[in-house]
Protein backbone atom coordinates (compact mmCIF):
# COMPACT_ATOMS: atom_id res chain seq x y z
CA MET A 1 -85.94 24.61 -57.88
CA GLU A 2 -83.17 22.78 -59.70
CA LYS A 3 -80.49 20.78 -57.89
CA VAL A 4 -77.04 21.69 -59.23
CA TYR A 5 -73.97 19.52 -58.71
CA ILE A 6 -70.46 20.84 -59.40
CA GLU A 7 -67.10 19.09 -59.00
CA ARG A 8 -63.65 20.64 -59.05
CA GLY A 9 -60.38 18.73 -58.88
CA LEU A 10 -57.88 20.38 -56.56
CA GLU A 11 -54.12 20.81 -56.74
CA GLU A 12 -53.51 20.84 -52.98
CA GLN A 13 -53.82 17.50 -51.20
CA SER A 14 -54.39 18.49 -47.56
CA VAL A 15 -57.85 17.45 -46.38
CA HIS A 16 -57.37 19.35 -43.12
CA ALA A 17 -56.50 22.61 -44.91
CA LEU A 18 -59.45 22.22 -47.29
CA TRP A 19 -61.77 21.51 -44.35
CA GLN A 20 -60.75 24.84 -42.79
CA LEU A 21 -61.58 26.62 -46.06
CA ILE A 22 -65.08 25.15 -46.40
CA SER A 23 -66.19 25.00 -42.76
CA THR A 24 -64.95 28.19 -41.09
CA ALA A 25 -65.94 31.81 -41.59
CA GLU A 26 -62.28 32.76 -41.98
CA GLY A 27 -61.79 30.12 -44.65
CA MET A 28 -64.95 31.00 -46.59
CA THR A 29 -63.93 34.69 -46.55
CA LEU A 30 -60.91 33.72 -48.64
CA TRP A 31 -63.01 32.49 -51.55
CA MET A 32 -66.81 32.60 -51.16
CA ALA A 33 -67.59 36.17 -50.08
CA ASP A 34 -65.85 39.40 -49.18
CA CYS A 35 -66.67 38.81 -45.52
CA VAL A 36 -68.14 35.84 -43.65
CA ILE A 37 -68.99 35.98 -39.96
CA GLY A 38 -69.92 32.84 -38.07
CA HIS A 39 -71.51 32.53 -34.64
CA GLU A 40 -73.28 29.59 -33.00
CA GLY A 41 -74.36 27.83 -36.20
CA GLN A 42 -75.25 31.03 -38.05
CA LEU A 43 -73.29 32.47 -40.98
CA GLN A 44 -73.48 35.98 -42.40
CA PHE A 45 -72.07 36.43 -45.91
CA THR A 46 -71.32 39.91 -47.26
CA TRP A 47 -70.40 40.71 -50.86
CA GLY A 48 -69.13 44.20 -51.66
CA ASN A 49 -67.88 46.90 -49.31
CA PRO A 50 -69.44 46.45 -45.84
CA LEU A 51 -69.17 50.22 -45.30
CA GLY A 52 -70.56 51.05 -48.74
CA GLU A 53 -72.67 49.28 -51.32
CA HIS A 54 -73.03 45.61 -50.41
CA HIS A 55 -75.33 42.59 -50.24
CA THR A 56 -75.68 40.47 -47.11
CA GLN A 57 -77.25 37.03 -46.81
CA THR A 58 -77.53 34.81 -43.75
CA ALA A 59 -77.45 31.04 -43.50
CA THR A 60 -77.86 28.34 -40.88
CA VAL A 61 -75.45 25.41 -40.59
CA ILE A 62 -77.58 22.27 -40.78
CA ASP A 63 -75.05 19.43 -40.86
CA GLN A 64 -71.34 18.69 -41.01
CA LYS A 65 -68.86 15.88 -40.62
CA LYS A 66 -65.28 16.94 -40.01
CA ASN A 67 -63.03 16.54 -43.04
CA LYS A 68 -65.98 15.18 -45.07
CA PHE A 69 -68.80 17.69 -45.72
CA PHE A 70 -70.29 21.00 -44.60
CA ARG A 71 -73.95 21.85 -45.29
CA PHE A 72 -75.88 25.07 -44.72
CA HIS A 73 -79.27 26.50 -45.64
CA TRP A 74 -79.79 30.06 -46.90
CA ASP A 75 -82.27 31.73 -44.54
CA GLY A 76 -85.49 32.64 -46.32
CA GLU A 77 -85.09 30.02 -49.07
CA ASP A 78 -87.18 26.86 -49.58
CA THR A 79 -86.74 24.59 -46.58
CA ASP A 80 -85.62 21.61 -48.66
CA THR A 81 -82.70 23.47 -50.29
CA PHE A 82 -79.12 23.65 -49.04
CA VAL A 83 -75.53 24.22 -50.04
CA GLU A 84 -73.22 21.29 -49.42
CA MET A 85 -69.47 21.23 -49.90
CA ARG A 86 -68.10 17.69 -49.81
CA ILE A 87 -64.47 16.56 -49.87
CA GLU A 88 -63.87 13.44 -51.97
CA ARG A 89 -60.58 11.57 -52.48
CA ASN A 90 -60.05 9.39 -55.53
CA GLU A 91 -59.01 5.96 -54.27
CA LEU A 92 -56.75 5.28 -57.26
CA THR A 93 -55.00 8.63 -57.71
CA GLU A 94 -55.40 10.04 -54.17
CA ASP A 95 -56.45 13.37 -55.76
CA LEU A 96 -58.90 15.59 -53.88
CA THR A 97 -62.13 16.85 -55.39
CA LEU A 98 -64.44 19.47 -53.92
CA CYS A 99 -68.04 18.57 -54.74
CA VAL A 100 -70.73 21.23 -54.33
CA THR A 101 -74.48 20.70 -54.26
CA ASP A 102 -76.60 23.84 -54.53
CA PHE A 103 -80.05 24.82 -55.78
CA SER A 104 -81.08 27.39 -58.37
CA ASP A 105 -84.37 28.78 -59.53
CA ASP A 106 -85.71 26.94 -62.58
CA GLY A 107 -83.77 27.88 -65.70
CA GLU A 108 -80.91 29.55 -63.79
CA SER A 109 -78.61 26.58 -63.19
CA GLU A 110 -75.99 27.82 -65.70
CA ASP A 111 -75.79 31.17 -63.90
CA LEU A 112 -75.29 29.38 -60.59
CA LYS A 113 -72.56 27.18 -62.08
CA ALA A 114 -70.82 30.32 -63.38
CA LEU A 115 -70.88 31.83 -59.86
CA TRP A 116 -69.35 28.67 -58.41
CA ASP A 117 -66.70 28.69 -61.16
CA GLU A 118 -65.75 32.21 -60.03
CA ASP A 119 -65.59 31.00 -56.42
CA PHE A 120 -63.37 28.06 -57.41
CA ASP A 121 -61.09 30.46 -59.31
CA ARG A 122 -60.79 32.65 -56.18
CA LEU A 123 -60.09 29.54 -54.10
CA ARG A 124 -57.19 28.64 -56.40
CA GLN A 125 -55.86 32.20 -56.61
CA ASN A 126 -56.05 32.92 -52.87
CA THR A 127 -55.07 29.55 -51.44
CA GLY A 128 -53.35 27.46 -54.12
CA PHE A 129 -56.05 24.77 -54.08
């Protein structure tokens, strides 16, 4: 497995609003998947039409610190892998950056980065961030 690190500077400057987008099922539905359902530390992501052709993947929330980072583990993946979304603020400019850590199969890191780029584009289109 390869560890992949992606950063994206954001236009919006509200840490609280960004926290809602990265740590709640409702927020993640706006940019990460077509539907996200959360219940008691479990997340269910669905891409595609839930009533038609679709792909579903579940995850377990493993750690979080409000307004700082949110980390989950895809169920069925290697136990030492995770997805982490971290909010960083530049001390000089006060700009916000969303930093993502994820893991890809060997040789597939560019494909994973392309998927995250699409997610970041949806985040900007749907929320203004």
